[in-house]
């Protein structure tokens, strides 16, 4: 899978879990398609279909003065994901409105005040929570470009009312919402040249220099292990072990000691895996 670059909108189920909203108001994205769209998938990915969301319509009915059909459909939990520390920050809810039955945006254009009301009222219902600045409106692939043109036009009239609206189709939404697995670990230690470095030691016959360099790298891995930076420990130990194993047939001196370094890195790698 190609790595995504935008770590700002990454799905986070814990946002919905911890929202202090009744569990009966929380459902998968697929639930909303089954409820209002006869279960048609409209091209949404399996990952998106499985996302856990707040049902804003059901939340509205539980409010003291319910305004039926005056909210956006759902709110999904998202956050900013750090692909090195593997942690989330800025956790929040993102309002989403489904307009998949809309065959032409012109009909909605005439009713834009109602769309504004849905956006405003949804944010009012979620005022005790951290809510994203954007509001997402989902259309079919045929209608989304038309909706986008209207949104751009409306934004020229008022950035306050429309500047945060985004129109998308299912494929665009699939790309917009990231998932942790989209962001492989970004290591702190650059070992891209480790093969060239070890080959250089061998070419120069500098086996003492190789041993010192490997010992320094092992100390770095152990330092990260003490700080419980396990992904970095695994990155260093695995990369080093694989590189040493590749050059072992070419090693002419200190073979036993370098083989011992290989075993040490493998032990550190095992510790990083066992302590997760």
C-alpha atoms as a PDB file:
ATOM      1  CA  UNK A   1       0.000   0.000   0.000  1.00  0.00           C
ATOM      2  CA  UNK A   2       1.334   3.441  -0.925  1.00  0.00           C
ATOM      3  CA  UNK A   3       2.083   5.555   2.121  1.00  0.00           C
ATOM      4  CA  UNK A   4      -0.229   8.517   2.619  1.00  0.00           C
ATOM      5  CA  UNK A   5       1.304  11.864   3.472  1.00  0.00           C
ATOM      6  CA  UNK A   6      -1.528  13.622   5.320  1.00  0.00           C
ATOM      7  CA  UNK A   7      -1.424  12.552   8.958  1.00  0.00           C
ATOM      8  CA  UNK A   8      -4.037  15.121  10.046  1.00  0.00           C
ATOM      9  CA  UNK A   9      -7.196  13.127   9.246  1.00  0.00           C
ATOM     10  CA  UNK A  10      -6.502   9.629  10.550  1.00  0.00           C
ATOM     11  CA  UNK A  11      -9.348   7.481  11.859  1.00  0.00           C
ATOM     12  CA  UNK A  12      -9.386   7.034  15.627  1.00  0.00           C
ATOM     13  CA  UNK A  13     -12.107   4.874  17.173  1.00  0.00           C
ATOM     14  CA  UNK A  14     -11.243   5.947  20.713  1.00  0.00           C
ATOM     15  CA  UNK A  15     -12.582   9.445  19.993  1.00  0.00           C
ATOM     16  CA  UNK A  16     -16.087   8.014  19.613  1.00  0.00           C
ATOM     17  CA  UNK A  17     -15.587   5.516  22.467  1.00  0.00           C
ATOM     18  CA  UNK A  18     -14.619   8.286  24.873  1.00  0.00           C
ATOM     19  CA  UNK A  19     -17.151  10.872  23.707  1.00  0.00           C
ATOM     20  CA  UNK A  20     -19.528  10.365  26.614  1.00  0.00           C
ATOM     21  CA  UNK A  21     -22.346   9.568  24.190  1.00  0.00           C
ATOM     22  CA  UNK A  22     -24.662   6.601  24.684  1.00  0.00           C
ATOM     23  CA  UNK A  23     -23.407   3.449  22.994  1.00  0.00           C
ATOM     24  CA  UNK A  24     -26.769   3.003  21.289  1.00  0.00           C
ATOM     25  CA  UNK A  25     -26.006   6.148  19.254  1.00  0.00           C
ATOM     26  CA  UNK A  26     -22.756   4.719  17.871  1.00  0.00           C
ATOM     27  CA  UNK A  27     -22.645   2.603  14.724  1.00  0.00           C
ATOM     28  CA  UNK A  28     -20.424   1.573  11.850  1.00  0.00           C
ATOM     29  CA  UNK A  29     -20.469   3.657   8.674  1.00  0.00           C
ATOM     30  CA  UNK A  30     -22.125   0.688   6.974  1.00  0.00           C
ATOM     31  CA  UNK A  31     -25.090   1.039   9.354  1.00  0.00           C
ATOM     32  CA  UNK A  32     -25.960   4.405   7.821  1.00  0.00           C
ATOM     33  CA  UNK A  33     -25.876   2.977   4.297  1.00  0.00           C
ATOM     34  CA  UNK A  34     -28.115   0.105   5.353  1.00  0.00           C
ATOM     35  CA  UNK A  35     -30.523   2.465   7.086  1.00  0.00           C
ATOM     36  CA  UNK A  36     -30.937   5.047   4.341  1.00  0.00           C
ATOM     37  CA  UNK A  37     -29.497   3.535   1.162  1.00  0.00           C
ATOM     38  CA  UNK A  38     -30.670  -0.090   1.090  1.00  0.00           C
ATOM     39  CA  UNK A  39     -27.170  -1.216   1.964  1.00  0.00           C
ATOM     40  CA  UNK A  40     -25.576   0.015  -1.277  1.00  0.00           C
ATOM     41  CA  UNK A  41     -21.847   0.498  -0.763  1.00  0.00           C
ATOM     42  CA  UNK A  42     -21.386   3.351  -3.288  1.00  0.00           C
ATOM     43  CA  UNK A  43     -17.701   2.513  -3.629  1.00  0.00           C
ATOM     44  CA  UNK A  44     -16.733   3.116  -0.008  1.00  0.00           C
ATOM     45  CA  UNK A  45     -13.808   0.949   1.075  1.00  0.00           C
ATOM     46  CA  UNK A  46     -14.174  -1.871   3.570  1.00  0.00           C
ATOM     47  CA  UNK A  47     -12.101   0.135   6.020  1.00  0.00           C
ATOM     48  CA  UNK A  48     -14.405   3.138   5.763  1.00  0.00           C
ATOM     49  CA  UNK A  49     -17.495   0.933   6.060  1.00  0.00           C
ATOM     50  CA  UNK A  50     -16.127  -0.418   9.344  1.00  0.00           C
ATOM     51  CA  UNK A  51     -15.395   2.995  10.881  1.00  0.00           C
ATOM     52  CA  UNK A  52     -17.227   3.704  14.137  1.00  0.00           C
ATOM     53  CA  UNK A  53     -19.358   6.863  14.098  1.00  0.00           C
ATOM     54  CA  UNK A  54     -21.841   8.862  16.157  1.00  0.00           C
ATOM     55  CA  UNK A  55     -25.373   8.850  14.738  1.00  0.00           C
ATOM     56  CA  UNK A  56     -26.289  12.538  14.875  1.00  0.00           C
ATOM     57  CA  UNK A  57     -29.961  11.907  14.079  1.00  0.00           C
ATOM     58  CA  UNK A  58     -30.288   9.555  17.048  1.00  0.00           C
ATOM     59  CA  UNK A  59     -28.330  11.930  19.267  1.00  0.00           C
ATOM     60  CA  UNK A  60     -30.731  14.703  18.269  1.00  0.00           C
ATOM     61  CA  UNK A  61     -33.814  12.695  19.235  1.00  0.00           C
ATOM     62  CA  UNK A  62     -32.361  12.340  22.726  1.00  0.00           C
ATOM     63  CA  UNK A  63     -31.934  16.086  23.174  1.00  0.00           C
ATOM     64  CA  UNK A  64     -34.430  18.081  25.320  1.00  0.00           C
ATOM     65  CA  UNK A  65     -35.900  19.867  22.297  1.00  0.00           C
ATOM     66  CA  UNK A  66     -35.379  17.581  19.293  1.00  0.00           C
ATOM     67  CA  UNK A  67     -35.327  19.036  15.809  1.00  0.00           C
ATOM     68  CA  UNK A  68     -35.893  16.026  13.599  1.00  0.00           C
ATOM     69  CA  UNK A  69     -33.935  15.804  10.349  1.00  0.00           C
ATOM     70  CA  UNK A  70     -31.986  18.946  11.185  1.00  0.00           C
ATOM     71  CA  UNK A  71     -28.542  17.451  11.775  1.00  0.00           C
ATOM     72  CA  UNK A  72     -25.801  16.016   9.615  1.00  0.00           C
ATOM     73  CA  UNK A  73     -25.824  12.230   9.469  1.00  0.00           C
ATOM     74  CA  UNK A  74     -22.787  11.241  11.473  1.00  0.00           C
ATOM     75  CA  UNK A  75     -19.537  12.244  13.124  1.00  0.00           C
ATOM     76  CA  UNK A  76     -16.422  10.114  12.745  1.00  0.00           C
ATOM     77  CA  UNK A  77     -13.503  10.079  15.185  1.00  0.00           C
ATOM     78  CA  UNK A  78     -10.200  11.350  13.781  1.00  0.00           C
ATOM     79  CA  UNK A  79      -6.882  12.664  15.019  1.00  0.00           C
ATOM     80  CA  UNK A  80      -3.406  13.773  14.005  1.00  0.00           C
ATOM     81  CA  UNK A  81      -1.134  10.720  13.869  1.00  0.00           C
ATOM     82  CA  UNK A  82       2.580  10.816  14.644  1.00  0.00           C
ATOM     83  CA  UNK A  83       4.144   8.124  12.471  1.00  0.00           C
ATOM     84  CA  UNK A  84       7.303   8.008  14.593  1.00  0.00           C
ATOM     85  CA  UNK A  85       5.884   8.003  18.110  1.00  0.00           C
ATOM     86  CA  UNK A  86       2.804   6.072  16.889  1.00  0.00           C
ATOM     87  CA  UNK A  87       0.462   8.242  18.966  1.00  0.00           C
ATOM     88  CA  UNK A  88      -2.515  10.500  18.258  1.00  0.00           C
ATOM     89  CA  UNK A  89      -2.985  14.153  19.124  1.00  0.00           C
ATOM     90  CA  UNK A  90      -5.736  16.691  18.369  1.00  0.00           C
ATOM     91  CA  UNK A  91      -8.409  14.002  18.623  1.00  0.00           C
ATOM     92  CA  UNK A  92     -11.782  15.246  17.403  1.00  0.00           C
ATOM     93  CA  UNK A  93     -15.087  14.485  15.725  1.00  0.00           C
ATOM     94  CA  UNK A  94     -15.605  15.205  12.028  1.00  0.00           C
ATOM     95  CA  UNK A  95     -19.206  15.915  10.876  1.00  0.00           C
ATOM     96  CA  UNK A  96     -20.298  14.066   7.714  1.00  0.00           C
ATOM     97  CA  UNK A  97     -23.487  14.389   5.666  1.00  0.00           C
ATOM     98  CA  UNK A  98     -24.534  11.702   3.159  1.00  0.00           C
ATOM     99  CA  UNK A  99     -26.202  12.972  -0.010  1.00  0.00           C
ATOM    100  CA  UNK A 100     -25.835   9.854  -2.100  1.00  0.00           C
ATOM    101  CA  UNK A 101     -29.383   9.914  -3.475  1.00  0.00           C
ATOM    102  CA  UNK A 102     -28.897  13.414  -4.820  1.00  0.00           C
ATOM    103  CA  UNK A 103     -29.050  13.237  -8.631  1.00  0.00           C
ATOM    104  CA  UNK A 104     -28.344  16.926  -9.201  1.00  0.00           C
ATOM    105  CA  UNK A 105     -27.008  19.557  -6.846  1.00  0.00           C
ATOM    106  CA  UNK A 106     -29.389  22.180  -8.219  1.00  0.00           C
ATOM    107  CA  UNK A 107     -32.165  20.956  -5.943  1.00  0.00           C
ATOM    108  CA  UNK A 108     -29.897  21.320  -2.903  1.00  0.00           C
ATOM    109  CA  UNK A 109     -28.746  24.704  -4.146  1.00  0.00           C
ATOM    110  CA  UNK A 110     -32.277  25.981  -3.615  1.00  0.00           C
ATOM    111  CA  UNK A 111     -32.233  24.612  -0.070  1.00  0.00           C
ATOM    112  CA  UNK A 112     -28.814  25.737   1.093  1.00  0.00           C
ATOM    113  CA  UNK A 113     -30.167  27.434   4.218  1.00  0.00           C
ATOM    114  CA  UNK A 114     -31.273  24.009   5.400  1.00  0.00           C
ATOM    115  CA  UNK A 115     -27.773  22.657   4.802  1.00  0.00           C
ATOM    116  CA  UNK A 116     -26.383  25.540   6.817  1.00  0.00           C
ATOM    117  CA  UNK A 117     -28.849  24.720   9.586  1.00  0.00           C
ATOM    118  CA  UNK A 118     -27.737  21.082   9.632  1.00  0.00           C
ATOM    119  CA  UNK A 119     -24.104  22.098   9.941  1.00  0.00           C
ATOM    120  CA  UNK A 120     -24.732  24.683  12.656  1.00  0.00           C
ATOM    121  CA  UNK A 121     -27.079  22.491  14.695  1.00  0.00           C
ATOM    122  CA  UNK A 122     -24.740  19.491  14.510  1.00  0.00           C
ATOM    123  CA  UNK A 123     -21.909  21.590  15.886  1.00  0.00           C
ATOM    124  CA  UNK A 124     -24.191  22.897  18.595  1.00  0.00           C
ATOM    125  CA  UNK A 125     -25.067  19.343  19.645  1.00  0.00           C
ATOM    126  CA  UNK A 126     -21.347  18.519  19.795  1.00  0.00           C
ATOM    127  CA  UNK A 127     -20.272  21.752  21.498  1.00  0.00           C
ATOM    128  CA  UNK A 128     -18.953  19.869  24.530  1.00  0.00           C
ATOM    129  CA  UNK A 129     -16.589  17.909  22.288  1.00  0.00           C
ATOM    130  CA  UNK A 130     -13.597  18.783  20.150  1.00  0.00           C
ATOM    131  CA  UNK A 131     -15.002  19.108  16.611  1.00  0.00           C
ATOM    132  CA  UNK A 132     -12.998  19.493  13.404  1.00  0.00           C
ATOM    133  CA  UNK A 133     -13.209  22.763  11.516  1.00  0.00           C
ATOM    134  CA  UNK A 134     -14.341  20.993   8.329  1.00  0.00           C
ATOM    135  CA  UNK A 135     -17.745  19.566   7.425  1.00  0.00           C
ATOM    136  CA  UNK A 136     -17.841  16.802   4.808  1.00  0.00           C
ATOM    137  CA  UNK A 137     -20.683  16.326   2.309  1.00  0.00           C
ATOM    138  CA  UNK A 138     -20.602  13.051   0.381  1.00  0.00           C
ATOM    139  CA  UNK A 139     -22.101  12.676  -3.090  1.00  0.00           C
ATOM    140  CA  UNK A 140     -21.929  10.198  -5.927  1.00  0.00           C
ATOM    141  CA  UNK A 141     -19.096  10.544  -8.409  1.00  0.00           C
ATOM    142  CA  UNK A 142     -21.499  12.169 -10.883  1.00  0.00           C
ATOM    143  CA  UNK A 143     -22.749  14.861  -8.499  1.00  0.00           C
ATOM    144  CA  UNK A 144     -19.653  15.646  -6.409  1.00  0.00           C
ATOM    145  CA  UNK A 145     -17.960  17.894  -9.044  1.00  0.00           C
ATOM    146  CA  UNK A 146     -21.146  19.951  -9.390  1.00  0.00           C
ATOM    147  CA  UNK A 147     -21.429  20.269  -5.604  1.00  0.00           C
ATOM    148  CA  UNK A 148     -17.808  21.345  -5.400  1.00  0.00           C
ATOM    149  CA  UNK A 149     -18.385  24.113  -7.949  1.00  0.00           C
ATOM    150  CA  UNK A 150     -21.302  25.442  -5.910  1.00  0.00           C
ATOM    151  CA  UNK A 151     -19.283  25.261  -2.687  1.00  0.00           C
ATOM    152  CA  UNK A 152     -16.480  27.277  -4.285  1.00  0.00           C
ATOM    153  CA  UNK A 153     -19.009  29.842  -5.484  1.00  0.00           C
ATOM    154  CA  UNK A 154     -20.648  30.056  -2.069  1.00  0.00           C
ATOM    155  CA  UNK A 155     -17.261  30.401  -0.391  1.00  0.00           C
ATOM    156  CA  UNK A 156     -16.710  33.590  -2.381  1.00  0.00           C
ATOM    157  CA  UNK A 157     -19.914  34.920  -0.821  1.00  0.00           C
ATOM    158  CA  UNK A 158     -19.024  33.919   2.747  1.00  0.00           C
ATOM    159  CA  UNK A 159     -15.935  32.083   3.984  1.00  0.00           C
ATOM    160  CA  UNK A 160     -17.460  31.965   7.454  1.00  0.00           C
ATOM    161  CA  UNK A 161     -20.540  30.034   6.341  1.00  0.00           C
ATOM    162  CA  UNK A 162     -19.066  27.893   3.569  1.00  0.00           C
ATOM    163  CA  UNK A 163     -15.274  28.027   3.742  1.00  0.00           C
ATOM    164  CA  UNK A 164     -15.084  24.831   5.791  1.00  0.00           C
ATOM    165  CA  UNK A 165     -17.423  22.743   3.576  1.00  0.00           C
ATOM    166  CA  UNK A 166     -15.880  19.991   1.488  1.00  0.00           C
ATOM    167  CA  UNK A 167     -17.720  18.027  -1.226  1.00  0.00           C
ATOM    168  CA  UNK A 168     -16.411  14.545  -2.018  1.00  0.00           C
ATOM    169  CA  UNK A 169     -17.352  11.294  -3.676  1.00  0.00           C
ATOM    170  CA  UNK A 170     -16.702   7.913  -2.096  1.00  0.00           C
ATOM    171  CA  UNK A 171     -13.261   7.419  -3.645  1.00  0.00           C
ATOM    172  CA  UNK A 172     -12.127  10.847  -2.472  1.00  0.00           C
ATOM    173  CA  UNK A 173     -13.422  10.113   1.025  1.00  0.00           C
ATOM    174  CA  UNK A 174     -11.589   6.767   0.996  1.00  0.00           C
ATOM    175  CA  UNK A 175      -8.391   8.727   0.377  1.00  0.00           C
ATOM    176  CA  UNK A 176      -9.225  11.596   2.728  1.00  0.00           C
ATOM    177  CA  UNK A 177      -9.650   9.408   5.814  1.00  0.00           C
ATOM    178  CA  UNK A 178      -6.331   7.836   6.718  1.00  0.00           C
ATOM    179  CA  UNK A 179      -5.696   4.742   8.833  1.00  0.00           C
ATOM    180  CA  UNK A 180      -2.727   3.870  11.014  1.00  0.00           C
ATOM    181  CA  UNK A 181      -1.587   1.160   8.622  1.00  0.00           C
ATOM    182  CA  UNK A 182      -1.255   3.800   5.897  1.00  0.00           C
ATOM    183  CA  UNK A 183       1.665   5.303   7.792  1.00  0.00           C
ATOM    184  CA  UNK A 184       4.597   2.910   8.196  1.00  0.00           C
ATOM    185  CA  UNK A 185       7.000   3.654  10.997  1.00  0.00           C
ATOM    186  CA  UNK A 186       9.264   6.636  10.231  1.00  0.00           C
ATOM    187  CA  UNK A 187      12.575   5.825  11.937  1.00  0.00           C
ATOM    188  CA  UNK A 188      14.744   8.319  13.789  1.00  0.00           C
ATOM    189  CA  UNK A 189      17.976   6.527  12.872  1.00  0.00           C
ATOM    190  CA  UNK A 190      18.971   6.649   9.214  1.00  0.00           C
ATOM    191  CA  UNK A 191      20.421   3.277   8.233  1.00  0.00           C
ATOM    192  CA  UNK A 192      19.889   3.506   4.490  1.00  0.00           C
ATOM    193  CA  UNK A 193      23.665   3.284   3.867  1.00  0.00           C
ATOM    194  CA  UNK A 194      24.431   0.494   6.319  1.00  0.00           C
ATOM    195  CA  UNK A 195      25.323  -1.970   3.543  1.00  0.00           C
ATOM    196  CA  UNK A 196      27.778   0.489   1.972  1.00  0.00           C
ATOM    197  CA  UNK A 197      29.275   1.308   5.367  1.00  0.00           C
ATOM    198  CA  UNK A 198      29.925  -2.334   6.212  1.00  0.00           C
ATOM    199  CA  UNK A 199      31.267  -3.051   2.714  1.00  0.00           C
ATOM    200  CA  UNK A 200      33.621  -0.098   3.094  1.00  0.00           C
ATOM    201  CA  UNK A 201      35.021  -1.520   6.341  1.00  0.00           C
ATOM    202  CA  UNK A 202      35.587  -4.873   4.600  1.00  0.00           C
ATOM    203  CA  UNK A 203      37.196  -3.288   1.534  1.00  0.00           C
ATOM    204  CA  UNK A 204      39.587  -1.349   3.796  1.00  0.00           C
ATOM    205  CA  UNK A 205      40.267  -4.393   5.963  1.00  0.00           C
ATOM    206  CA  UNK A 206      39.239  -2.270   8.938  1.00  0.00           C
ATOM    207  CA  UNK A 207      37.519  -4.893  11.047  1.00  0.00           C
ATOM    208  CA  UNK A 208      38.266  -3.119  14.324  1.00  0.00           C
ATOM    209  CA  UNK A 209      36.546  -0.046  12.903  1.00  0.00           C
ATOM    210  CA  UNK A 210      33.574  -2.209  11.897  1.00  0.00           C
ATOM    211  CA  UNK A 211      33.336  -3.699  15.378  1.00  0.00           C
ATOM    212  CA  UNK A 212      33.471  -0.247  16.996  1.00  0.00           C
ATOM    213  CA  UNK A 213      30.786   1.064  14.617  1.00  0.00           C
ATOM    214  CA  UNK A 214      28.506  -1.919  15.283  1.00  0.00           C
ATOM    215  CA  UNK A 215      29.079  -1.577  19.023  1.00  0.00           C
ATOM    216  CA  UNK A 216      28.031   2.090  18.845  1.00  0.00           C
ATOM    217  CA  UNK A 217      24.921   1.137  16.904  1.00  0.00           C
ATOM    218  CA  UNK A 218      24.111  -1.550  19.474  1.00  0.00           C
ATOM    219  CA  UNK A 219      24.469   0.998  22.283  1.00  0.00           C
ATOM    220  CA  UNK A 220      22.040   3.274  20.455  1.00  0.00           C
ATOM    221  CA  UNK A 221      19.505   0.434  20.140  1.00  0.00           C
ATOM    222  CA  UNK A 222      19.880  -0.367  23.848  1.00  0.00           C
ATOM    223  CA  UNK A 223      19.393   3.307  24.709  1.00  0.00           C
ATOM    224  CA  UNK A 224      16.111   3.358  22.797  1.00  0.00           C
ATOM    225  CA  UNK A 225      15.148   0.109  24.519  1.00  0.00           C
ATOM    226  CA  UNK A 226      15.650   1.708  27.942  1.00  0.00           C
ATOM    227  CA  UNK A 227      13.353   4.557  26.854  1.00  0.00           C
ATOM    228  CA  UNK A 228      10.819   2.013  25.576  1.00  0.00           C
ATOM    229  CA  UNK A 229      11.059   3.320  21.995  1.00  0.00           C
ATOM    230  CA  UNK A 230      10.332  -0.167  20.729  1.00  0.00           C
ATOM    231  CA  UNK A 231       9.658   0.615  17.047  1.00  0.00           C
ATOM    232  CA  UNK A 232      13.052   2.337  16.837  1.00  0.00           C
ATOM    233  CA  UNK A 233      14.724  -0.576  18.633  1.00  0.00           C
ATOM    234  CA  UNK A 234      13.222  -2.979  16.127  1.00  0.00           C
ATOM    235  CA  UNK A 235      14.250  -0.764  13.203  1.00  0.00           C
ATOM    236  CA  UNK A 236      17.891  -0.639  14.318  1.00  0.00           C
ATOM    237  CA  UNK A 237      18.236  -4.246  15.459  1.00  0.00           C
ATOM    238  CA  UNK A 238      16.468  -5.796  12.461  1.00  0.00           C
ATOM    239  CA  UNK A 239      18.275  -3.635   9.913  1.00  0.00           C
ATOM    240  CA  UNK A 240      21.658  -4.288  11.540  1.00  0.00           C
ATOM    241  CA  UNK A 241      21.093  -8.030  11.861  1.00  0.00           C
ATOM    242  CA  UNK A 242      20.050  -8.360   8.223  1.00  0.00           C
ATOM    243  CA  UNK A 243      23.029  -6.289   7.041  1.00  0.00           C
ATOM    244  CA  UNK A 244      25.538  -8.271   9.128  1.00  0.00           C
ATOM    245  CA  UNK A 245      24.080 -11.570   7.894  1.00  0.00           C
ATOM    246  CA  UNK A 246      24.555 -10.398   4.285  1.00  0.00           C
ATOM    247  CA  UNK A 247      28.228  -9.476   4.729  1.00  0.00           C
ATOM    248  CA  UNK A 248      29.255 -12.469   6.861  1.00  0.00           C
ATOM    249  CA  UNK A 249      30.422 -14.564   3.865  1.00  0.00           C
ATOM    250  CA  UNK A 250      32.827 -11.717   2.963  1.00  0.00           C
ATOM    251  CA  UNK A 251      34.260 -11.242   6.456  1.00  0.00           C
ATOM    252  CA  UNK A 252      37.908 -12.343   6.568  1.00  0.00           C
ATOM    253  CA  UNK A 253      38.875 -11.409  10.131  1.00  0.00           C
ATOM    254  CA  UNK A 254      37.212 -11.228  13.530  1.00  0.00           C
ATOM    255  CA  UNK A 255      34.511 -13.485  12.114  1.00  0.00           C
ATOM    256  CA  UNK A 256      33.525 -14.962  15.490  1.00  0.00           C
ATOM    257  CA  UNK A 257      33.234 -11.550  17.127  1.00  0.00           C
ATOM    258  CA  UNK A 258      31.179 -10.077  14.280  1.00  0.00           C
ATOM    259  CA  UNK A 259      28.947 -13.167  14.383  1.00  0.00           C
ATOM    260  CA  UNK A 260      28.517 -12.464  18.094  1.00  0.00           C
ATOM    261  CA  UNK A 261      27.367  -8.929  17.198  1.00  0.00           C
ATOM    262  CA  UNK A 262      24.804 -10.463  14.870  1.00  0.00           C
ATOM    263  CA  UNK A 263      23.437 -12.567  17.719  1.00  0.00           C
ATOM    264  CA  UNK A 264      23.375  -9.525  20.031  1.00  0.00           C
ATOM    265  CA  UNK A 265      21.258  -7.558  17.551  1.00  0.00           C
ATOM    266  CA  UNK A 266      18.916 -10.515  17.164  1.00  0.00           C
ATOM    267  CA  UNK A 267      18.482 -10.693  20.947  1.00  0.00           C
ATOM    268  CA  UNK A 268      17.691  -6.965  21.062  1.00  0.00           C
ATOM    269  CA  UNK A 269      15.209  -7.447  18.222  1.00  0.00           C
ATOM    270  CA  UNK A 270      13.505 -10.232  20.188  1.00  0.00           C
ATOM    271  CA  UNK A 271      13.299  -7.997  23.262  1.00  0.00           C
ATOM    272  CA  UNK A 272      11.637  -5.253  21.217  1.00  0.00           C
ATOM    273  CA  UNK A 273       9.022  -7.705  19.987  1.00  0.00           C
ATOM    274  CA  UNK A 274       8.370  -9.357  23.347  1.00  0.00           C
ATOM    275  CA  UNK A 275       7.905  -6.052  25.164  1.00  0.00           C
ATOM    276  CA  UNK A 276       5.173  -4.705  22.881  1.00  0.00           C
END
